[in-house]
Amino acid sequence: ILRHRISFLLLTVCLLFLPSAASAV
């Protein structure tokens, strides 16, 4: 579960850079 949470953190860091899921820029 801990590894899953850390993976989730890294995924969310990536999302931090995205203004929206539909963005094509």
mmCIF file of all heavy atoms, coordinates in Angstrom:
data_MODEL
# 
_entry.id   MODEL 
# 
loop_
_atom_site.group_PDB 
_atom_site.id 
_atom_site.type_symbol 
_atom_site.label_atom_id 
_atom_site.label_alt_id 
_atom_site.label_comp_id 
_atom_site.label_asym_id 
_atom_site.label_entity_id 
_atom_site.label_seq_id 
_atom_site.pdbx_PDB_ins_code 
_atom_site.Cartn_x 
_atom_site.Cartn_y 
_atom_site.Cartn_z 
_atom_site.occupancy 
_atom_site.B_iso_or_equiv 
_atom_site.pdbx_formal_charge 
_atom_site.auth_seq_id 
_atom_site.auth_comp_id 
_atom_site.auth_asym_id 
_atom_site.auth_atom_id 
_atom_site.pdbx_PDB_model_num 
ATOM 1   N N   . ILE A 1 1  ? 0.835  -1.193 0.000   1.00 0.00 ? 1  ILE A N   1 
ATOM 2   C CA  . ILE A 1 1  ? 0.000  0.000  0.000   1.00 0.00 ? 1  ILE A CA  1 
ATOM 3   C C   . ILE A 1 1  ? 0.869  1.242  0.000   1.00 0.00 ? 1  ILE A C   1 
ATOM 4   O O   . ILE A 1 1  ? 0.580  2.230  -0.666  1.00 0.00 ? 1  ILE A O   1 
ATOM 5   C CB  . ILE A 1 1  ? -0.946 -0.003 1.218   1.00 0.00 ? 1  ILE A CB  1 
ATOM 6   C CG1 . ILE A 1 1  ? -1.912 -1.187 1.114   1.00 0.00 ? 1  ILE A CG1 1 
ATOM 7   C CG2 . ILE A 1 1  ? -1.726 1.294  1.299   1.00 0.00 ? 1  ILE A CG2 1 
ATOM 8   C CD1 . ILE A 1 1  ? -2.824 -1.347 2.304   1.00 0.00 ? 1  ILE A CD1 1 
ATOM 9   N N   . LEU A 1 2  ? 1.964  1.198  0.770   1.00 0.00 ? 2  LEU A N   1 
ATOM 10  C CA  . LEU A 1 2  ? 2.880  2.331  0.823   1.00 0.00 ? 2  LEU A CA  1 
ATOM 11  C C   . LEU A 1 2  ? 3.453  2.608  -0.557  1.00 0.00 ? 2  LEU A C   1 
ATOM 12  O O   . LEU A 1 2  ? 3.505  3.749  -1.010  1.00 0.00 ? 2  LEU A O   1 
ATOM 13  C CB  . LEU A 1 2  ? 3.999  2.058  1.825   1.00 0.00 ? 2  LEU A CB  1 
ATOM 14  C CG  . LEU A 1 2  ? 5.056  3.167  1.986   1.00 0.00 ? 2  LEU A CG  1 
ATOM 15  C CD1 . LEU A 1 2  ? 4.391  4.454  2.447   1.00 0.00 ? 2  LEU A CD1 1 
ATOM 16  C CD2 . LEU A 1 2  ? 6.123  2.727  2.968   1.00 0.00 ? 2  LEU A CD2 1 
ATOM 17  N N   . ARG A 1 3  ? 3.883  1.557  -1.264  1.00 0.00 ? 3  ARG A N   1 
ATOM 18  C CA  . ARG A 1 3  ? 4.428  1.747  -2.604  1.00 0.00 ? 3  ARG A CA  1 
ATOM 19  C C   . ARG A 1 3  ? 3.366  2.322  -3.535  1.00 0.00 ? 3  ARG A C   1 
ATOM 20  O O   . ARG A 1 3  ? 3.656  3.161  -4.389  1.00 0.00 ? 3  ARG A O   1 
ATOM 21  C CB  . ARG A 1 3  ? 4.941  0.415  -3.160  1.00 0.00 ? 3  ARG A CB  1 
ATOM 22  C CG  . ARG A 1 3  ? 6.210  -0.081 -2.468  1.00 0.00 ? 3  ARG A CG  1 
ATOM 23  C CD  . ARG A 1 3  ? 6.891  -1.152 -3.313  1.00 0.00 ? 3  ARG A CD  1 
ATOM 24  N NE  . ARG A 1 3  ? 6.050  -2.304 -3.540  1.00 0.00 ? 3  ARG A NE  1 
ATOM 25  C CZ  . ARG A 1 3  ? 6.009  -3.349 -2.714  1.00 0.00 ? 3  ARG A CZ  1 
ATOM 26  N NH1 . ARG A 1 3  ? 6.735  -3.368 -1.619  1.00 0.00 ? 3  ARG A NH1 1 
ATOM 27  N NH2 . ARG A 1 3  ? 5.233  -4.374 -2.988  1.00 0.00 ? 3  ARG A NH2 1 
ATOM 28  N N   . HIS A 1 4  ? 2.128  1.866  -3.364  1.00 0.00 ? 4  HIS A N   1 
ATOM 29  C CA  . HIS A 1 4  ? 1.035  2.392  -4.176  1.00 0.00 ? 4  HIS A CA  1 
ATOM 30  C C   . HIS A 1 4  ? 0.843  3.882  -3.927  1.00 0.00 ? 4  HIS A C   1 
ATOM 31  O O   . HIS A 1 4  ? 0.657  4.661  -4.856  1.00 0.00 ? 4  HIS A O   1 
ATOM 32  C CB  . HIS A 1 4  ? -0.258 1.644  -3.853  1.00 0.00 ? 4  HIS A CB  1 
ATOM 33  C CG  . HIS A 1 4  ? -1.481 2.272  -4.448  1.00 0.00 ? 4  HIS A CG  1 
ATOM 34  N ND1 . HIS A 1 4  ? -1.777 2.215  -5.793  1.00 0.00 ? 4  HIS A ND1 1 
ATOM 35  C CD2 . HIS A 1 4  ? -2.474 3.000  -3.862  1.00 0.00 ? 4  HIS A CD2 1 
ATOM 36  C CE1 . HIS A 1 4  ? -2.914 2.864  -6.022  1.00 0.00 ? 4  HIS A CE1 1 
ATOM 37  N NE2 . HIS A 1 4  ? -3.345 3.348  -4.882  1.00 0.00 ? 4  HIS A NE2 1 
ATOM 38  N N   . ARG A 1 5  ? 0.919  4.285  -2.648  1.00 0.00 ? 5  ARG A N   1 
ATOM 39  C CA  . ARG A 1 5  ? 0.738  5.691  -2.306  1.00 0.00 ? 5  ARG A CA  1 
ATOM 40  C C   . ARG A 1 5  ? 1.846  6.547  -2.900  1.00 0.00 ? 5  ARG A C   1 
ATOM 41  O O   . ARG A 1 5  ? 1.604  7.644  -3.388  1.00 0.00 ? 5  ARG A O   1 
ATOM 42  C CB  . ARG A 1 5  ? 0.711  5.864  -0.785  1.00 0.00 ? 5  ARG A CB  1 
ATOM 43  C CG  . ARG A 1 5  ? -0.609 5.535  -0.143  1.00 0.00 ? 5  ARG A CG  1 
ATOM 44  C CD  . ARG A 1 5  ? -1.639 6.593  -0.478  1.00 0.00 ? 5  ARG A CD  1 
ATOM 45  N NE  . ARG A 1 5  ? -2.553 6.750  0.624   1.00 0.00 ? 5  ARG A NE  1 
ATOM 46  C CZ  . ARG A 1 5  ? -3.254 7.856  0.866   1.00 0.00 ? 5  ARG A CZ  1 
ATOM 47  N NH1 . ARG A 1 5  ? -3.128 8.877  0.079   1.00 0.00 ? 5  ARG A NH1 1 
ATOM 48  N NH2 . ARG A 1 5  ? -4.066 7.924  1.878   1.00 0.00 ? 5  ARG A NH2 1 
ATOM 49  N N   . ILE A 1 6  ? 3.103  6.046  -2.833  1.00 0.00 ? 6  ILE A N   1 
ATOM 50  C CA  . ILE A 1 6  ? 4.209  6.807  -3.390  1.00 0.00 ? 6  ILE A CA  1 
ATOM 51  C C   . ILE A 1 6  ? 4.066  6.918  -4.902  1.00 0.00 ? 6  ILE A C   1 
ATOM 52  O O   . ILE A 1 6  ? 4.315  7.968  -5.489  1.00 0.00 ? 6  ILE A O   1 
ATOM 53  C CB  . ILE A 1 6  ? 5.556  6.164  -3.001  1.00 0.00 ? 6  ILE A CB  1 
ATOM 54  C CG1 . ILE A 1 6  ? 5.747  6.266  -1.472  1.00 0.00 ? 6  ILE A CG1 1 
ATOM 55  C CG2 . ILE A 1 6  ? 6.715  6.837  -3.710  1.00 0.00 ? 6  ILE A CG2 1 
ATOM 56  C CD1 . ILE A 1 6  ? 6.965  5.535  -0.959  1.00 0.00 ? 6  ILE A CD1 1 
ATOM 57  N N   . SER A 1 7  ? 3.642  5.843  -5.547  1.00 0.00 ? 7  SER A N   1 
ATOM 58  C CA  . SER A 1 7  ? 3.403  5.896  -6.988  1.00 0.00 ? 7  SER A CA  1 
ATOM 59  C C   . SER A 1 7  ? 2.315  6.909  -7.304  1.00 0.00 ? 7  SER A C   1 
ATOM 60  O O   . SER A 1 7  ? 2.391  7.659  -8.281  1.00 0.00 ? 7  SER A O   1 
ATOM 61  C CB  . SER A 1 7  ? 2.995  4.513  -7.510  1.00 0.00 ? 7  SER A CB  1 
ATOM 62  O OG  . SER A 1 7  ? 4.030  3.576  -7.300  1.00 0.00 ? 7  SER A OG  1 
ATOM 63  N N   . PHE A 1 8  ? 1.299  6.935  -6.437  1.00 0.00 ? 8  PHE A N   1 
ATOM 64  C CA  . PHE A 1 8  ? 0.219  7.906  -6.621  1.00 0.00 ? 8  PHE A CA  1 
ATOM 65  C C   . PHE A 1 8  ? 0.747  9.322  -6.498  1.00 0.00 ? 8  PHE A C   1 
ATOM 66  O O   . PHE A 1 8  ? 0.359  10.223 -7.242  1.00 0.00 ? 8  PHE A O   1 
ATOM 67  C CB  . PHE A 1 8  ? -0.875 7.654  -5.581  1.00 0.00 ? 8  PHE A CB  1 
ATOM 68  C CG  . PHE A 1 8  ? -1.923 8.732  -5.537  1.00 0.00 ? 8  PHE A CG  1 
ATOM 69  C CD1 . PHE A 1 8  ? -2.841 8.852  -6.563  1.00 0.00 ? 8  PHE A CD1 1 
ATOM 70  C CD2 . PHE A 1 8  ? -1.985 9.615  -4.481  1.00 0.00 ? 8  PHE A CD2 1 
ATOM 71  C CE1 . PHE A 1 8  ? -3.801 9.843  -6.532  1.00 0.00 ? 8  PHE A CE1 1 
ATOM 72  C CE2 . PHE A 1 8  ? -2.939 10.609 -4.440  1.00 0.00 ? 8  PHE A CE2 1 
ATOM 73  C CZ  . PHE A 1 8  ? -3.847 10.727 -5.472  1.00 0.00 ? 8  PHE A CZ  1 
ATOM 74  N N   . LEU A 1 9  ? 1.668  9.542  -5.559  1.00 0.00 ? 9  LEU A N   1 
ATOM 75  C CA  . LEU A 1 9  ? 2.267  10.863 -5.395  1.00 0.00 ? 9  LEU A CA  1 
ATOM 76  C C   . LEU A 1 9  ? 2.967  11.292 -6.678  1.00 0.00 ? 9  LEU A C   1 
ATOM 77  O O   . LEU A 1 9  ? 2.785  12.410 -7.158  1.00 0.00 ? 9  LEU A O   1 
ATOM 78  C CB  . LEU A 1 9  ? 3.269  10.842 -4.243  1.00 0.00 ? 9  LEU A CB  1 
ATOM 79  C CG  . LEU A 1 9  ? 4.080  12.137 -4.044  1.00 0.00 ? 9  LEU A CG  1 
ATOM 80  C CD1 . LEU A 1 9  ? 3.160  13.247 -3.566  1.00 0.00 ? 9  LEU A CD1 1 
ATOM 81  C CD2 . LEU A 1 9  ? 5.200  11.925 -3.058  1.00 0.00 ? 9  LEU A CD2 1 
ATOM 82  N N   . LEU A 1 10 ? 3.765  10.390 -7.258  1.00 0.00 ? 10 LEU A N   1 
ATOM 83  C CA  . LEU A 1 10 ? 4.487  10.731 -8.472  1.00 0.00 ? 10 LEU A CA  1 
ATOM 84  C C   . LEU A 1 10 ? 3.522  11.022 -9.611  1.00 0.00 ? 10 LEU A C   1 
ATOM 85  O O   . LEU A 1 10 ? 3.733  11.942 -10.409 1.00 0.00 ? 10 LEU A O   1 
ATOM 86  C CB  . LEU A 1 10 ? 5.436  9.586  -8.847  1.00 0.00 ? 10 LEU A CB  1 
ATOM 87  C CG  . LEU A 1 10 ? 6.548  9.306  -7.826  1.00 0.00 ? 10 LEU A CG  1 
ATOM 88  C CD1 . LEU A 1 10 ? 7.340  8.078  -8.259  1.00 0.00 ? 10 LEU A CD1 1 
ATOM 89  C CD2 . LEU A 1 10 ? 7.471  10.504 -7.672  1.00 0.00 ? 10 LEU A CD2 1 
ATOM 90  N N   . LEU A 1 11 ? 2.437  10.256 -9.687  1.00 0.00 ? 11 LEU A N   1 
ATOM 91  C CA  . LEU A 1 11 ? 1.428  10.492 -10.711 1.00 0.00 ? 11 LEU A CA  1 
ATOM 92  C C   . LEU A 1 11 ? 0.803  11.864 -10.525 1.00 0.00 ? 11 LEU A C   1 
ATOM 93  O O   . LEU A 1 11 ? 0.618  12.621 -11.479 1.00 0.00 ? 11 LEU A O   1 
ATOM 94  C CB  . LEU A 1 11 ? 0.351  9.402  -10.649 1.00 0.00 ? 11 LEU A CB  1 
ATOM 95  C CG  . LEU A 1 11 ? -0.874 9.608  -11.560 1.00 0.00 ? 11 LEU A CG  1 
ATOM 96  C CD1 . LEU A 1 11 ? -0.449 9.628  -13.024 1.00 0.00 ? 11 LEU A CD1 1 
ATOM 97  C CD2 . LEU A 1 11 ? -1.897 8.515  -11.307 1.00 0.00 ? 11 LEU A CD2 1 
ATOM 98  N N   . THR A 1 12 ? 0.497  12.211 -9.287  1.00 0.00 ? 12 THR A N   1 
ATOM 99  C CA  . THR A 1 12 ? -0.143 13.486 -9.025  1.00 0.00 ? 12 THR A CA  1 
ATOM 100 C C   . THR A 1 12 ? 0.801  14.647 -9.284  1.00 0.00 ? 12 THR A C   1 
ATOM 101 O O   . THR A 1 12 ? 0.375  15.720 -9.714  1.00 0.00 ? 12 THR A O   1 
ATOM 102 C CB  . THR A 1 12 ? -0.659 13.540 -7.571  1.00 0.00 ? 12 THR A CB  1 
ATOM 103 O OG1 . THR A 1 12 ? -1.360 12.345 -7.288  1.00 0.00 ? 12 THR A OG1 1 
ATOM 104 C CG2 . THR A 1 12 ? -1.588 14.719 -7.365  1.00 0.00 ? 12 THR A CG2 1 
ATOM 105 N N   . VAL A 1 13 ? 2.097  14.441 -9.028  1.00 0.00 ? 13 VAL A N   1 
ATOM 106 C CA  . VAL A 1 13 ? 3.076  15.468 -9.387  1.00 0.00 ? 13 VAL A CA  1 
ATOM 107 C C   . VAL A 1 13 ? 2.995  15.763 -10.879 1.00 0.00 ? 13 VAL A C   1 
ATOM 108 O O   . VAL A 1 13 ? 3.038  16.915 -11.308 1.00 0.00 ? 13 VAL A O   1 
ATOM 109 C CB  . VAL A 1 13 ? 4.507  15.025 -8.999  1.00 0.00 ? 13 VAL A CB  1 
ATOM 110 C CG1 . VAL A 1 13 ? 5.525  15.962 -9.617  1.00 0.00 ? 13 VAL A CG1 1 
ATOM 111 C CG2 . VAL A 1 13 ? 4.678  15.027 -7.490  1.00 0.00 ? 13 VAL A CG2 1 
ATOM 112 N N   . CYS A 1 14 ? 2.872  14.711 -11.656 1.00 0.00 ? 14 CYS A N   1 
ATOM 113 C CA  . CYS A 1 14 ? 2.722  14.906 -13.103 1.00 0.00 ? 14 CYS A CA  1 
ATOM 114 C C   . CYS A 1 14 ? 1.459  15.703 -13.411 1.00 0.00 ? 14 CYS A C   1 
ATOM 115 O O   . CYS A 1 14 ? 1.460  16.610 -14.251 1.00 0.00 ? 14 CYS A O   1 
ATOM 116 C CB  . CYS A 1 14 ? 2.680  13.562 -13.823 1.00 0.00 ? 14 CYS A CB  1 
ATOM 117 S SG  . CYS A 1 14 ? 4.225  12.633 -13.715 1.00 0.00 ? 14 CYS A SG  1 
ATOM 118 N N   . LEU A 1 15 ? 0.374  15.373 -12.716 1.00 0.00 ? 15 LEU A N   1 
ATOM 119 C CA  . LEU A 1 15 ? -0.885 16.087 -12.945 1.00 0.00 ? 15 LEU A CA  1 
ATOM 120 C C   . LEU A 1 15 ? -0.777 17.552 -12.578 1.00 0.00 ? 15 LEU A C   1 
ATOM 121 O O   . LEU A 1 15 ? -1.468 18.401 -13.140 1.00 0.00 ? 15 LEU A O   1 
ATOM 122 C CB  . LEU A 1 15 ? -2.012 15.434 -12.142 1.00 0.00 ? 15 LEU A CB  1 
ATOM 123 C CG  . LEU A 1 15 ? -2.464 14.042 -12.594 1.00 0.00 ? 15 LEU A CG  1 
ATOM 124 C CD1 . LEU A 1 15 ? -3.521 13.510 -11.639 1.00 0.00 ? 15 LEU A CD1 1 
ATOM 125 C CD2 . LEU A 1 15 ? -2.995 14.076 -14.012 1.00 0.00 ? 15 LEU A CD2 1 
ATOM 126 N N   . LEU A 1 16 ? 0.112  17.858 -11.630 1.00 0.00 ? 16 LEU A N   1 
ATOM 127 C CA  . LEU A 1 16 ? 0.288  19.235 -11.201 1.00 0.00 ? 16 LEU A CA  1 
ATOM 128 C C   . LEU A 1 16 ? 0.678  20.126 -12.362 1.00 0.00 ? 16 LEU A C   1 
ATOM 129 O O   . LEU A 1 16 ? 0.379  21.310 -12.385 1.00 0.00 ? 16 LEU A O   1 
ATOM 130 C CB  . LEU A 1 16 ? 1.367  19.284 -10.108 1.00 0.00 ? 16 LEU A CB  1 
ATOM 131 C CG  . LEU A 1 16 ? 1.733  20.639 -9.496  1.00 0.00 ? 16 LEU A CG  1 
ATOM 132 C CD1 . LEU A 1 16 ? 0.512  21.242 -8.827  1.00 0.00 ? 16 LEU A CD1 1 
ATOM 133 C CD2 . LEU A 1 16 ? 2.872  20.482 -8.515  1.00 0.00 ? 16 LEU A CD2 1 
ATOM 134 N N   . PHE A 1 17 ? 1.349  19.567 -13.340 1.00 0.00 ? 17 PHE A N   1 
ATOM 135 C CA  . PHE A 1 17 ? 1.813  20.350 -14.471 1.00 0.00 ? 17 PHE A CA  1 
ATOM 136 C C   . PHE A 1 17 ? 0.752  20.474 -15.557 1.00 0.00 ? 17 PHE A C   1 
ATOM 137 O O   . PHE A 1 17 ? 0.957  21.178 -16.535 1.00 0.00 ? 17 PHE A O   1 
ATOM 138 C CB  . PHE A 1 17 ? 3.077  19.724 -15.065 1.00 0.00 ? 17 PHE A CB  1 
ATOM 139 C CG  . PHE A 1 17 ? 4.269  19.826 -14.171 1.00 0.00 ? 17 PHE A CG  1 
ATOM 140 C CD1 . PHE A 1 17 ? 4.503  18.882 -13.190 1.00 0.00 ? 17 PHE A CD1 1 
ATOM 141 C CD2 . PHE A 1 17 ? 5.152  20.886 -14.291 1.00 0.00 ? 17 PHE A CD2 1 
ATOM 142 C CE1 . PHE A 1 17 ? 5.600  18.972 -12.368 1.00 0.00 ? 17 PHE A CE1 1 
ATOM 143 C CE2 . PHE A 1 17 ? 6.247  20.998 -13.471 1.00 0.00 ? 17 PHE A CE2 1 
ATOM 144 C CZ  . PHE A 1 17 ? 6.481  20.036 -12.496 1.00 0.00 ? 17 PHE A CZ  1 
ATOM 145 N N   . LEU A 1 18 ? -0.358 19.779 -15.404 1.00 0.00 ? 18 LEU A N   1 
ATOM 146 C CA  . LEU A 1 18 ? -1.360 19.762 -16.462 1.00 0.00 ? 18 LEU A CA  1 
ATOM 147 C C   . LEU A 1 18 ? -2.540 20.639 -16.104 1.00 0.00 ? 18 LEU A C   1 
ATOM 148 O O   . LEU A 1 18 ? -3.181 20.446 -15.079 1.00 0.00 ? 18 LEU A O   1 
ATOM 149 C CB  . LEU A 1 18 ? -1.855 18.329 -16.708 1.00 0.00 ? 18 LEU A CB  1 
ATOM 150 C CG  . LEU A 1 18 ? -0.776 17.327 -17.153 1.00 0.00 ? 18 LEU A CG  1 
ATOM 151 C CD1 . LEU A 1 18 ? -1.412 15.952 -17.303 1.00 0.00 ? 18 LEU A CD1 1 
ATOM 152 C CD2 . LEU A 1 18 ? -0.133 17.760 -18.461 1.00 0.00 ? 18 LEU A CD2 1 
ATOM 153 N N   . PRO A 1 19 ? -2.884 21.620 -16.924 1.00 0.00 ? 19 PRO A N   1 
ATOM 154 C CA  . PRO A 1 19 ? -4.015 22.487 -16.625 1.00 0.00 ? 19 PRO A CA  1 
ATOM 155 C C   . PRO A 1 19 ? -5.347 21.777 -16.733 1.00 0.00 ? 19 PRO A C   1 
ATOM 156 O O   . PRO A 1 19 ? -6.286 22.101 -16.046 1.00 0.00 ? 19 PRO A O   1 
ATOM 157 C CB  . PRO A 1 19 ? -3.892 23.598 -17.679 1.00 0.00 ? 19 PRO A CB  1 
ATOM 158 C CG  . PRO A 1 19 ? -3.132 22.981 -18.815 1.00 0.00 ? 19 PRO A CG  1 
ATOM 159 C CD  . PRO A 1 19 ? -2.191 22.000 -18.170 1.00 0.00 ? 19 PRO A CD  1 
ATOM 160 N N   . SER A 1 20 ? -5.453 20.804 -17.598 1.00 0.00 ? 20 SER A N   1 
ATOM 161 C CA  . SER A 1 20 ? -6.692 20.028 -17.696 1.00 0.00 ? 20 SER A CA  1 
ATOM 162 C C   . SER A 1 20 ? -6.398 18.740 -18.437 1.00 0.00 ? 20 SER A C   1 
ATOM 163 O O   . SER A 1 20 ? -5.469 18.647 -19.228 1.00 0.00 ? 20 SER A O   1 
ATOM 164 C CB  . SER A 1 20 ? -7.795 20.817 -18.436 1.00 0.00 ? 20 SER A CB  1 
ATOM 165 O OG  . SER A 1 20 ? -7.513 20.883 -19.808 1.00 0.00 ? 20 SER A OG  1 
ATOM 166 N N   . ALA A 1 21 ? -7.215 17.758 -18.151 1.00 0.00 ? 21 ALA A N   1 
ATOM 167 C CA  . ALA A 1 21 ? -6.997 16.454 -18.782 1.00 0.00 ? 21 ALA A CA  1 
ATOM 168 C C   . ALA A 1 21 ? -7.184 16.524 -20.294 1.00 0.00 ? 21 ALA A C   1 
ATOM 169 O O   . ALA A 1 21 ? -6.624 15.725 -21.036 1.00 0.00 ? 21 ALA A O   1 
ATOM 170 C CB  . ALA A 1 21 ? -7.948 15.427 -18.180 1.00 0.00 ? 21 ALA A CB  1 
ATOM 171 N N   . ALA A 1 22 ? -7.974 17.483 -20.745 1.00 0.00 ? 22 ALA A N   1 
ATOM 172 C CA  . ALA A 1 22 ? -8.278 17.570 -22.170 1.00 0.00 ? 22 ALA A CA  1 
ATOM 173 C C   . ALA A 1 22 ? -7.278 18.446 -22.926 1.00 0.00 ? 22 ALA A C   1 
ATOM 174 O O   . ALA A 1 22 ? -7.369 18.623 -24.127 1.00 0.00 ? 22 ALA A O   1 
ATOM 175 C CB  . ALA A 1 22 ? -9.687 18.125 -22.372 1.00 0.00 ? 22 ALA A CB  1 
ATOM 176 N N   . SER A 1 23 ? -6.303 19.013 -22.208 1.00 0.00 ? 23 SER A N   1 
ATOM 177 C CA  . SER A 1 23 ? -5.368 19.941 -22.835 1.00 0.00 ? 23 SER A CA  1 
ATOM 178 C C   . SER A 1 23 ? -4.528 19.234 -23.888 1.00 0.00 ? 23 SER A C   1 
ATOM 179 O O   . SER A 1 23 ? -4.032 18.141 -23.693 1.00 0.00 ? 23 SER A O   1 
ATOM 180 C CB  . SER A 1 23 ? -4.457 20.566 -21.776 1.00 0.00 ? 23 SER A CB  1 
ATOM 181 O OG  . SER A 1 23 ? -3.494 21.385 -22.397 1.00 0.00 ? 23 SER A OG  1 
ATOM 182 N N   . ALA A 1 24 ? -4.334 19.921 -25.042 1.00 0.00 ? 24 ALA A N   1 
ATOM 183 C CA  . ALA A 1 24 ? -3.512 19.361 -26.108 1.00 0.00 ? 24 ALA A CA  1 
ATOM 184 C C   . ALA A 1 24 ? -2.201 20.118 -26.247 1.00 0.00 ? 24 ALA A C   1 
ATOM 185 O O   . ALA A 1 24 ? -1.479 19.945 -27.220 1.00 0.00 ? 24 ALA A O   1 
ATOM 186 C CB  . ALA A 1 24 ? -4.273 19.406 -27.428 1.00 0.00 ? 24 ALA A CB  1 
ATOM 187 N N   . VAL A 1 25 ? -1.893 20.998 -25.301 1.00 0.00 ? 25 VAL A N   1 
ATOM 188 C CA  . VAL A 1 25 ? -0.695 21.819 -25.400 1.00 0.00 ? 25 VAL A CA  1 
ATOM 189 C C   . VAL A 1 25 ? 0.417  21.230 -24.547 1.00 0.00 ? 25 VAL A C   1 
ATOM 190 O O   . VAL A 1 25 ? 0.184  20.474 -23.613 1.00 0.00 ? 25 VAL A O   1 
ATOM 191 C CB  . VAL A 1 25 ? -0.983 23.271 -24.957 1.00 0.00 ? 25 VAL A CB  1 
ATOM 192 C CG1 . VAL A 1 25 ? -2.052 23.892 -25.824 1.00 0.00 ? 25 VAL A CG1 1 
ATOM 193 C CG2 . VAL A 1 25 ? -1.393 23.323 -23.483 1.00 0.00 ? 25 VAL A CG2 1 
# 
